[in-house]
Amino acid sequence: MPVLGLIENMSYFISPSDGKRYDIFGSGGGEREAKRLRVPLLGQIPIDIATREAGDRGMPIVAEDRQSPVAAEFDKIARRIQEALA
């Protein structure tokens, strides 16, 4: 099965108190690995409390909070996958 691309999970954390981005696990790893594999980087999913809580309830964040920045990233990834399959 061909690999359509790479998705970097837990890519970064946005602090809810000040909106500052923290690259807890470093940065650029997904881009480097996608380049090494010669596939596109489809998206970067941040560590997000609301996403974790929704997942714990068995609800995808895209179904629970369409306005979430994480939901927007999942939508972007889904569009890129659709384009790759077209």
PDB file of N, CA and C in Angstrom:
ATOM      1  N   MET A   1       0.842  -1.164   0.000  1.00  0.00           N
ATOM      2  CA  MET A   1       0.000   0.000   0.000  1.00  0.00           C
ATOM      3  C   MET A   1       0.899   1.244   0.000  1.00  0.00           C
ATOM      4  N   PRO A   2       0.632   2.155  -0.910  1.00  0.00           N
ATOM      5  CA  PRO A   2       1.447   3.372  -0.950  1.00  0.00           C
ATOM      6  C   PRO A   2       1.157   4.269   0.259  1.00  0.00           C
ATOM      7  N   VAL A   3       2.182   4.945   0.701  1.00  0.00           N
ATOM      8  CA  VAL A   3       2.033   5.907   1.795  1.00  0.00           C
ATOM      9  C   VAL A   3       1.633   7.241   1.179  1.00  0.00           C
ATOM     10  N   LEU A   4       0.504   7.786   1.626  1.00  0.00           N
ATOM     11  CA  LEU A   4       0.007   9.039   1.070  1.00  0.00           C
ATOM     12  C   LEU A   4       0.683  10.252   1.693  1.00  0.00           C
ATOM     13  N   GLY A   5       1.204  10.084   2.895  1.00  0.00           N
ATOM     14  CA  GLY A   5       1.846  11.197   3.569  1.00  0.00           C
ATOM     15  C   GLY A   5       2.029  10.903   5.034  1.00  0.00           C
ATOM     16  N   LEU A   6       2.563  11.879   5.728  1.00  0.00           N
ATOM     17  CA  LEU A   6       2.866  11.739   7.145  1.00  0.00           C
ATOM     18  C   LEU A   6       2.083  12.779   7.933  1.00  0.00           C
ATOM     19  N   ILE A   7       1.581  12.376   9.094  1.00  0.00           N
ATOM     20  CA  ILE A   7       0.899  13.288  10.015  1.00  0.00           C
ATOM     21  C   ILE A   7       1.687  13.290  11.310  1.00  0.00           C
ATOM     22  N   GLU A   8       2.092  14.467  11.729  1.00  0.00           N
ATOM     23  CA  GLU A   8       2.859  14.600  12.963  1.00  0.00           C
ATOM     24  C   GLU A   8       1.892  14.846  14.120  1.00  0.00           C
ATOM     25  N   ASN A   9       1.820  13.889  15.032  1.00  0.00           N
ATOM     26  CA  ASN A   9       0.951  13.995  16.209  1.00  0.00           C
ATOM     27  C   ASN A   9       1.750  14.594  17.369  1.00  0.00           C
ATOM     28  N   MET A  10       1.061  15.271  18.270  1.00  0.00           N
ATOM     29  CA  MET A  10       1.694  15.921  19.426  1.00  0.00           C
ATOM     30  C   MET A  10       2.822  16.846  18.955  1.00  0.00           C
ATOM     31  N   SER A  11       2.544  17.563  17.886  1.00  0.00           N
ATOM     32  CA  SER A  11       3.537  18.391  17.225  1.00  0.00           C
ATOM     33  C   SER A  11       3.993  19.573  18.073  1.00  0.00           C
ATOM     34  N   TYR A  12       3.061  20.178  18.774  1.00  0.00           N
ATOM     35  CA  TYR A  12       3.364  21.341  19.609  1.00  0.00           C
ATOM     36  C   TYR A  12       2.227  21.538  20.602  1.00  0.00           C
ATOM     37  N   PHE A  13       2.384  22.492  21.487  1.00  0.00           N
ATOM     38  CA  PHE A  13       1.364  22.809  22.493  1.00  0.00           C
ATOM     39  C   PHE A  13       1.139  24.312  22.480  1.00  0.00           C
ATOM     40  N   ILE A  14      -0.125  24.728  22.423  1.00  0.00           N
ATOM     41  CA  ILE A  14      -0.483  26.139  22.539  1.00  0.00           C
ATOM     42  C   ILE A  14      -1.012  26.353  23.947  1.00  0.00           C
ATOM     43  N   SER A  15      -0.352  27.210  24.709  1.00  0.00           N
ATOM     44  CA  SER A  15      -0.761  27.481  26.086  1.00  0.00           C
ATOM     45  C   SER A  15      -2.106  28.191  26.098  1.00  0.00           C
ATOM     46  N   PRO A  16      -3.083  27.644  26.830  1.00  0.00           N
ATOM     47  CA  PRO A  16      -4.392  28.303  26.887  1.00  0.00           C
ATOM     48  C   PRO A  16      -4.341  29.646  27.616  1.00  0.00           C
ATOM     49  N   SER A  17      -3.335  29.857  28.442  1.00  0.00           N
ATOM     50  CA  SER A  17      -3.283  31.102  29.212  1.00  0.00           C
ATOM     51  C   SER A  17      -2.754  32.281  28.400  1.00  0.00           C
ATOM     52  N   ASP A  18      -1.804  32.034  27.499  1.00  0.00           N
ATOM     53  CA  ASP A  18      -1.243  33.165  26.762  1.00  0.00           C
ATOM     54  C   ASP A  18      -1.168  32.953  25.252  1.00  0.00           C
ATOM     55  N   GLY A  19      -1.607  31.784  24.777  1.00  0.00           N
ATOM     56  CA  GLY A  19      -1.604  31.507  23.342  1.00  0.00           C
ATOM     57  C   GLY A  19      -0.230  31.260  22.761  1.00  0.00           C
ATOM     58  N   LYS A  20       0.781  31.149  23.598  1.00  0.00           N
ATOM     59  CA  LYS A  20       2.145  30.928  23.121  1.00  0.00           C
ATOM     60  C   LYS A  20       2.342  29.468  22.712  1.00  0.00           C
ATOM     61  N   ARG A  21       3.061  29.276  21.622  1.00  0.00           N
ATOM     62  CA  ARG A  21       3.357  27.925  21.117  1.00  0.00           C
ATOM     63  C   ARG A  21       4.627  27.394  21.786  1.00  0.00           C
ATOM     64  N   TYR A  22       4.534  26.132  22.217  1.00  0.00           N
ATOM     65  CA  TYR A  22       5.689  25.450  22.801  1.00  0.00           C
ATOM     66  C   TYR A  22       5.952  24.181  22.011  1.00  0.00           C
ATOM     67  N   ASP A  23       7.160  24.028  21.515  1.00  0.00           N
ATOM     68  CA  ASP A  23       7.571  22.819  20.809  1.00  0.00           C
ATOM     69  C   ASP A  23       8.205  21.881  21.832  1.00  0.00           C
ATOM     70  N   ILE A  24       7.362  21.204  22.588  1.00  0.00           N
ATOM     71  CA  ILE A  24       7.784  20.375  23.717  1.00  0.00           C
ATOM     72  C   ILE A  24       8.765  19.293  23.282  1.00  0.00           C
ATOM     73  N   PHE A  25       8.512  18.686  22.139  1.00  0.00           N
ATOM     74  CA  PHE A  25       9.354  17.586  21.658  1.00  0.00           C
ATOM     75  C   PHE A  25      10.305  18.038  20.560  1.00  0.00           C
ATOM     76  N   GLY A  26      10.577  19.324  20.492  1.00  0.00           N
ATOM     77  CA  GLY A  26      11.405  19.866  19.431  1.00  0.00           C
ATOM     78  C   GLY A  26      10.543  20.224  18.233  1.00  0.00           C
ATOM     79  N   SER A  27      11.174  20.636  17.166  1.00  0.00           N
ATOM     80  CA  SER A  27      10.405  21.002  15.975  1.00  0.00           C
ATOM     81  C   SER A  27      11.120  20.507  14.729  1.00  0.00           C
ATOM     82  N   GLY A  28      10.356  20.342  13.683  1.00  0.00           N
ATOM     83  CA  GLY A  28      10.912  19.950  12.397  1.00  0.00           C
ATOM     84  C   GLY A  28      11.039  18.459  12.162  1.00  0.00           C
ATOM     85  N   GLY A  29      10.746  17.647  13.169  1.00  0.00           N
ATOM     86  CA  GLY A  29      10.890  16.198  13.012  1.00  0.00           C
ATOM     87  C   GLY A  29       9.973  15.619  11.954  1.00  0.00           C
ATOM     88  N   GLY A  30       8.739  16.063  11.937  1.00  0.00           N
ATOM     89  CA  GLY A  30       7.792  15.575  10.931  1.00  0.00           C
ATOM     90  C   GLY A  30       8.204  15.969   9.533  1.00  0.00           C
ATOM     91  N   GLU A  31       8.655  17.202   9.383  1.00  0.00           N
ATOM     92  CA  GLU A  31       9.104  17.666   8.068  1.00  0.00           C
ATOM     93  C   GLU A  31      10.325  16.876   7.595  1.00  0.00           C
ATOM     94  N   ARG A  32      11.273  16.649   8.486  1.00  0.00           N
ATOM     95  CA  ARG A  32      12.473  15.885   8.115  1.00  0.00           C
ATOM     96  C   ARG A  32      12.117  14.449   7.724  1.00  0.00           C
ATOM     97  N   GLU A  33      11.233  13.824   8.514  1.00  0.00           N
ATOM     98  CA  GLU A  33      10.867  12.438   8.216  1.00  0.00           C
ATOM     99  C   GLU A  33      10.074  12.342   6.917  1.00  0.00           C
ATOM    100  N   ALA A  34       9.169  13.290   6.680  1.00  0.00           N
ATOM    101  CA  ALA A  34       8.417  13.301   5.421  1.00  0.00           C
ATOM    102  C   ALA A  34       9.374  13.452   4.238  1.00  0.00           C
ATOM    103  N   LYS A  35      10.346  14.329   4.386  1.00  0.00           N
ATOM    104  CA  LYS A  35      11.331  14.525   3.320  1.00  0.00           C
ATOM    105  C   LYS A  35      12.142  13.244   3.108  1.00  0.00           C
ATOM    106  N   ARG A  36      12.544  12.615   4.212  1.00  0.00           N
ATOM    107  CA  ARG A  36      13.322  11.372   4.115  1.00  0.00           C
ATOM    108  C   ARG A  36      12.529  10.281   3.402  1.00  0.00           C
ATOM    109  N   LEU A  37      11.241  10.195   3.708  1.00  0.00           N
ATOM    110  CA  LEU A  37      10.374   9.185   3.097  1.00  0.00           C
ATOM    111  C   LEU A  37       9.869   9.592   1.706  1.00  0.00           C
ATOM    112  N   ARG A  38      10.131  10.843   1.352  1.00  0.00           N
ATOM    113  CA  ARG A  38       9.668  11.400   0.073  1.00  0.00           C
ATOM    114  C   ARG A  38       8.148  11.367  -0.047  1.00  0.00           C
ATOM    115  N   VAL A  39       7.509  11.786   1.027  1.00  0.00           N
ATOM    116  CA  VAL A  39       6.052  11.905   1.058  1.00  0.00           C
ATOM    117  C   VAL A  39       5.709  13.287   1.609  1.00  0.00           C
ATOM    118  N   PRO A  40       4.499  13.767   1.344  1.00  0.00           N
ATOM    119  CA  PRO A  40       4.129  15.075   1.892  1.00  0.00           C
ATOM    120  C   PRO A  40       3.832  15.004   3.392  1.00  0.00           C
ATOM    121  N   LEU A  41       4.102  16.088   4.070  1.00  0.00           N
ATOM    122  CA  LEU A  41       3.665  16.249   5.450  1.00  0.00           C
ATOM    123  C   LEU A  41       2.230  16.750   5.371  1.00  0.00           C
ATOM    124  N   LEU A  42       1.281  15.897   5.730  1.00  0.00           N
ATOM    125  CA  LEU A  42      -0.134  16.218   5.572  1.00  0.00           C
ATOM    126  C   LEU A  42      -0.649  17.174   6.637  1.00  0.00           C
ATOM    127  N   GLY A  43      -0.028  17.170   7.803  1.00  0.00           N
ATOM    128  CA  GLY A  43      -0.487  18.064   8.861  1.00  0.00           C
ATOM    129  C   GLY A  43       0.251  17.825  10.148  1.00  0.00           C
ATOM    130  N   GLN A  44       0.059  18.756  11.062  1.00  0.00           N
ATOM    131  CA  GLN A  44       0.680  18.696  12.383  1.00  0.00           C
ATOM    132  C   GLN A  44      -0.409  18.903  13.429  1.00  0.00           C
ATOM    133  N   ILE A  45      -0.660  17.863  14.209  1.00  0.00           N
ATOM    134  CA  ILE A  45      -1.700  17.911  15.235  1.00  0.00           C
ATOM    135  C   ILE A  45      -1.063  18.313  16.566  1.00  0.00           C
ATOM    136  N   PRO A  46      -1.528  19.406  17.159  1.00  0.00           N
ATOM    137  CA  PRO A  46      -0.952  19.812  18.441  1.00  0.00           C
ATOM    138  C   PRO A  46      -1.492  18.986  19.606  1.00  0.00           C
ATOM    139  N   ILE A  47      -0.759  19.029  20.703  1.00  0.00           N
ATOM    140  CA  ILE A  47      -1.277  18.504  21.968  1.00  0.00           C
ATOM    141  C   ILE A  47      -2.366  19.484  22.402  1.00  0.00           C
ATOM    142  N   ASP A  48      -3.538  18.980  22.702  1.00  0.00           N
ATOM    143  CA  ASP A  48      -4.658  19.870  22.992  1.00  0.00           C
ATOM    144  C   ASP A  48      -5.564  19.224  24.029  1.00  0.00           C
ATOM    145  N   ILE A  49      -5.847  19.941  25.082  1.00  0.00           N
ATOM    146  CA  ILE A  49      -6.653  19.407  26.178  1.00  0.00           C
ATOM    147  C   ILE A  49      -8.060  19.043  25.711  1.00  0.00           C
ATOM    148  N   ALA A  50      -8.704  19.944  24.947  1.00  0.00           N
ATOM    149  CA  ALA A  50     -10.072  19.670  24.484  1.00  0.00           C
ATOM    150  C   ALA A  50     -10.118  18.439  23.584  1.00  0.00           C
ATOM    151  N   THR A  51      -9.109  18.245  22.764  1.00  0.00           N
ATOM    152  CA  THR A  51      -9.054  17.072  21.887  1.00  0.00           C
ATOM    153  C   THR A  51      -8.909  15.802  22.705  1.00  0.00           C
ATOM    154  N   ARG A  52      -8.066  15.854  23.721  1.00  0.00           N
ATOM    155  CA  ARG A  52      -7.891  14.696  24.596  1.00  0.00           C
ATOM    156  C   ARG A  52      -9.180  14.389  25.338  1.00  0.00           C
ATOM    157  N   GLU A  53      -9.835  15.404  25.857  1.00  0.00           N
ATOM    158  CA  GLU A  53     -11.084  15.185  26.592  1.00  0.00           C
ATOM    159  C   GLU A  53     -12.171  14.621  25.682  1.00  0.00           C
ATOM    160  N   ALA A  54     -12.269  15.150  24.468  1.00  0.00           N
ATOM    161  CA  ALA A  54     -13.263  14.631  23.523  1.00  0.00           C
ATOM    162  C   ALA A  54     -12.952  13.173  23.185  1.00  0.00           C
ATOM    163  N   GLY A  55     -11.683  12.867  22.969  1.00  0.00           N
ATOM    164  CA  GLY A  55     -11.283  11.490  22.686  1.00  0.00           C
ATOM    165  C   GLY A  55     -11.593  10.551  23.831  1.00  0.00           C
ATOM    166  N   ASP A  56     -11.400  11.032  25.062  1.00  0.00           N
ATOM    167  CA  ASP A  56     -11.724  10.210  26.232  1.00  0.00           C
ATOM    168  C   ASP A  56     -13.212   9.871  26.282  1.00  0.00           C
ATOM    169  N   ARG A  57     -14.044  10.764  25.735  1.00  0.00           N
ATOM    170  CA  ARG A  57     -15.493  10.518  25.680  1.00  0.00           C
ATOM    171  C   ARG A  57     -15.885   9.727  24.436  1.00  0.00           C
ATOM    172  N   GLY A  58     -14.902   9.414  23.595  1.00  0.00           N
ATOM    173  CA  GLY A  58     -15.185   8.675  22.367  1.00  0.00           C
ATOM    174  C   GLY A  58     -15.730   9.550  21.263  1.00  0.00           C
ATOM    175  N   MET A  59     -15.528  10.867  21.375  1.00  0.00           N
ATOM    176  CA  MET A  59     -16.035  11.820  20.394  1.00  0.00           C
ATOM    177  C   MET A  59     -14.882  12.506  19.681  1.00  0.00           C
ATOM    178  N   PRO A  60     -14.803  12.421  18.382  1.00  0.00           N
ATOM    179  CA  PRO A  60     -13.759  13.161  17.671  1.00  0.00           C
ATOM    180  C   PRO A  60     -13.944  14.667  17.878  1.00  0.00           C
ATOM    181  N   ILE A  61     -12.850  15.389  17.970  1.00  0.00           N
ATOM    182  CA  ILE A  61     -12.933  16.835  18.180  1.00  0.00           C
ATOM    183  C   ILE A  61     -13.661  17.519  17.027  1.00  0.00           C
ATOM    184  N   VAL A  62     -13.562  16.967  15.824  1.00  0.00           N
ATOM    185  CA  VAL A  62     -14.256  17.581  14.684  1.00  0.00           C
ATOM    186  C   VAL A  62     -15.767  17.452  14.801  1.00  0.00           C
ATOM    187  N   ALA A  63     -16.251  16.472  15.548  1.00  0.00           N
ATOM    188  CA  ALA A  63     -17.687  16.328  15.769  1.00  0.00           C
ATOM    189  C   ALA A  63     -18.154  17.160  16.963  1.00  0.00           C
ATOM    190  N   GLU A  64     -17.261  17.413  17.891  1.00  0.00           N
ATOM    191  CA  GLU A  64     -17.631  18.108  19.124  1.00  0.00           C
ATOM    192  C   GLU A  64     -17.445  19.621  19.043  1.00  0.00           C
ATOM    193  N   ASP A  65     -16.403  20.070  18.361  1.00  0.00           N
ATOM    194  CA  ASP A  65     -16.113  21.505  18.307  1.00  0.00           C
ATOM    195  C   ASP A  65     -15.552  21.858  16.937  1.00  0.00           C
ATOM    196  N   ARG A  66     -16.440  22.160  15.996  1.00  0.00           N
ATOM    197  CA  ARG A  66     -16.030  22.463  14.618  1.00  0.00           C
ATOM    198  C   ARG A  66     -15.161  23.713  14.527  1.00  0.00           C
ATOM    199  N   GLN A  67     -15.214  24.577  15.544  1.00  0.00           N
ATOM    200  CA  GLN A  67     -14.442  25.818  15.520  1.00  0.00           C
ATOM    201  C   GLN A  67     -13.031  25.647  16.080  1.00  0.00           C
ATOM    202  N   SER A  68     -12.740  24.483  16.609  1.00  0.00           N
ATOM    203  CA  SER A  68     -11.439  24.214  17.203  1.00  0.00           C
ATOM    204  C   SER A  68     -10.337  24.301  16.153  1.00  0.00           C
ATOM    205  N   PRO A  69      -9.190  24.913  16.497  1.00  0.00           N
ATOM    206  CA  PRO A  69      -8.059  24.906  15.564  1.00  0.00           C
ATOM    207  C   PRO A  69      -7.594  23.486  15.223  1.00  0.00           C
ATOM    208  N   VAL A  70      -7.757  22.566  16.154  1.00  0.00           N
ATOM    209  CA  VAL A  70      -7.374  21.172  15.891  1.00  0.00           C
ATOM    210  C   VAL A  70      -8.336  20.559  14.877  1.00  0.00           C
ATOM    211  N   ALA A  71      -9.621  20.864  14.994  1.00  0.00           N
ATOM    212  CA  ALA A  71     -10.598  20.379  14.014  1.00  0.00           C
ATOM    213  C   ALA A  71     -10.254  20.921  12.633  1.00  0.00           C
ATOM    214  N   ALA A  72      -9.845  22.177  12.556  1.00  0.00           N
ATOM    215  CA  ALA A  72      -9.447  22.766  11.273  1.00  0.00           C
ATOM    216  C   ALA A  72      -8.244  22.039  10.687  1.00  0.00           C
ATOM    217  N   GLU A  73      -7.303  21.646  11.537  1.00  0.00           N
ATOM    218  CA  GLU A  73      -6.124  20.910  11.055  1.00  0.00           C
ATOM    219  C   GLU A  73      -6.537  19.532  10.541  1.00  0.00           C
ATOM    220  N   PHE A  74      -7.448  18.857  11.248  1.00  0.00           N
ATOM    221  CA  PHE A  74      -7.940  17.564  10.761  1.00  0.00           C
ATOM    222  C   PHE A  74      -8.678  17.729   9.437  1.00  0.00           C
ATOM    223  N   ASP A  75      -9.461  18.792   9.288  1.00  0.00           N
ATOM    224  CA  ASP A  75     -10.151  19.050   8.019  1.00  0.00           C
ATOM    225  C   ASP A  75      -9.146  19.245   6.893  1.00  0.00           C
ATOM    226  N   LYS A  76      -8.085  19.995   7.170  1.00  0.00           N
ATOM    227  CA  LYS A  76      -7.044  20.242   6.170  1.00  0.00           C
ATOM    228  C   LYS A  76      -6.386  18.921   5.758  1.00  0.00           C
ATOM    229  N   ILE A  77      -6.105  18.072   6.736  1.00  0.00           N
ATOM    230  CA  ILE A  77      -5.503  16.764   6.452  1.00  0.00           C
ATOM    231  C   ILE A  77      -6.442  15.916   5.599  1.00  0.00           C
ATOM    232  N   ALA A  78      -7.718  15.909   5.948  1.00  0.00           N
ATOM    233  CA  ALA A  78      -8.699  15.125   5.189  1.00  0.00           C
ATOM    234  C   ALA A  78      -8.774  15.600   3.744  1.00  0.00           C
ATOM    235  N   ARG A  79      -8.742  16.919   3.520  1.00  0.00           N
ATOM    236  CA  ARG A  79      -8.763  17.446   2.152  1.00  0.00           C
ATOM    237  C   ARG A  79      -7.517  17.009   1.382  1.00  0.00           C
ATOM    238  N   ARG A  80      -6.369  17.034   2.044  1.00  0.00           N
ATOM    239  CA  ARG A  80      -5.130  16.619   1.370  1.00  0.00           C
ATOM    240  C   ARG A  80      -5.154  15.136   1.017  1.00  0.00           C
ATOM    241  N   ILE A  81      -5.742  14.327   1.870  1.00  0.00           N
ATOM    242  CA  ILE A  81      -5.869  12.891   1.568  1.00  0.00           C
ATOM    243  C   ILE A  81      -6.816  12.692   0.401  1.00  0.00           C
ATOM    244  N   GLN A  82      -7.955  13.410   0.398  1.00  0.00           N
ATOM    245  CA  GLN A  82      -8.884  13.314  -0.719  1.00  0.00           C
ATOM    246  C   GLN A  82      -8.210  13.688  -2.045  1.00  0.00           C
ATOM    247  N   GLU A  83      -7.412  14.757  -1.995  1.00  0.00           N
ATOM    248  CA  GLU A  83      -6.701  15.184  -3.212  1.00  0.00           C
ATOM    249  C   GLU A  83      -5.715  14.113  -3.670  1.00  0.00           C
ATOM    250  N   ALA A  84      -5.034  13.482  -2.731  1.00  0.00           N
ATOM    251  CA  ALA A  84      -4.064  12.445  -3.089  1.00  0.00           C
ATOM    252  C   ALA A  84      -4.752  11.224  -3.711  1.00  0.00           C
ATOM    253  N   LEU A  85      -5.971  10.960  -3.279  1.00  0.00           N
ATOM    254  CA  LEU A  85      -6.697   9.793  -3.785  1.00  0.00           C
ATOM    255  C   LEU A  85      -7.431  10.068  -5.095  1.00  0.00           C
ATOM    256  N   ALA A  86      -7.601  11.344  -5.421  1.00  0.00           N
ATOM    257  CA  ALA A  86      -8.359  11.708  -6.639  1.00  0.00           C
ATOM    258  C   ALA A  86      -7.585  11.370  -7.901  1.00  0.00           C
TER     259      ALA A  86
END
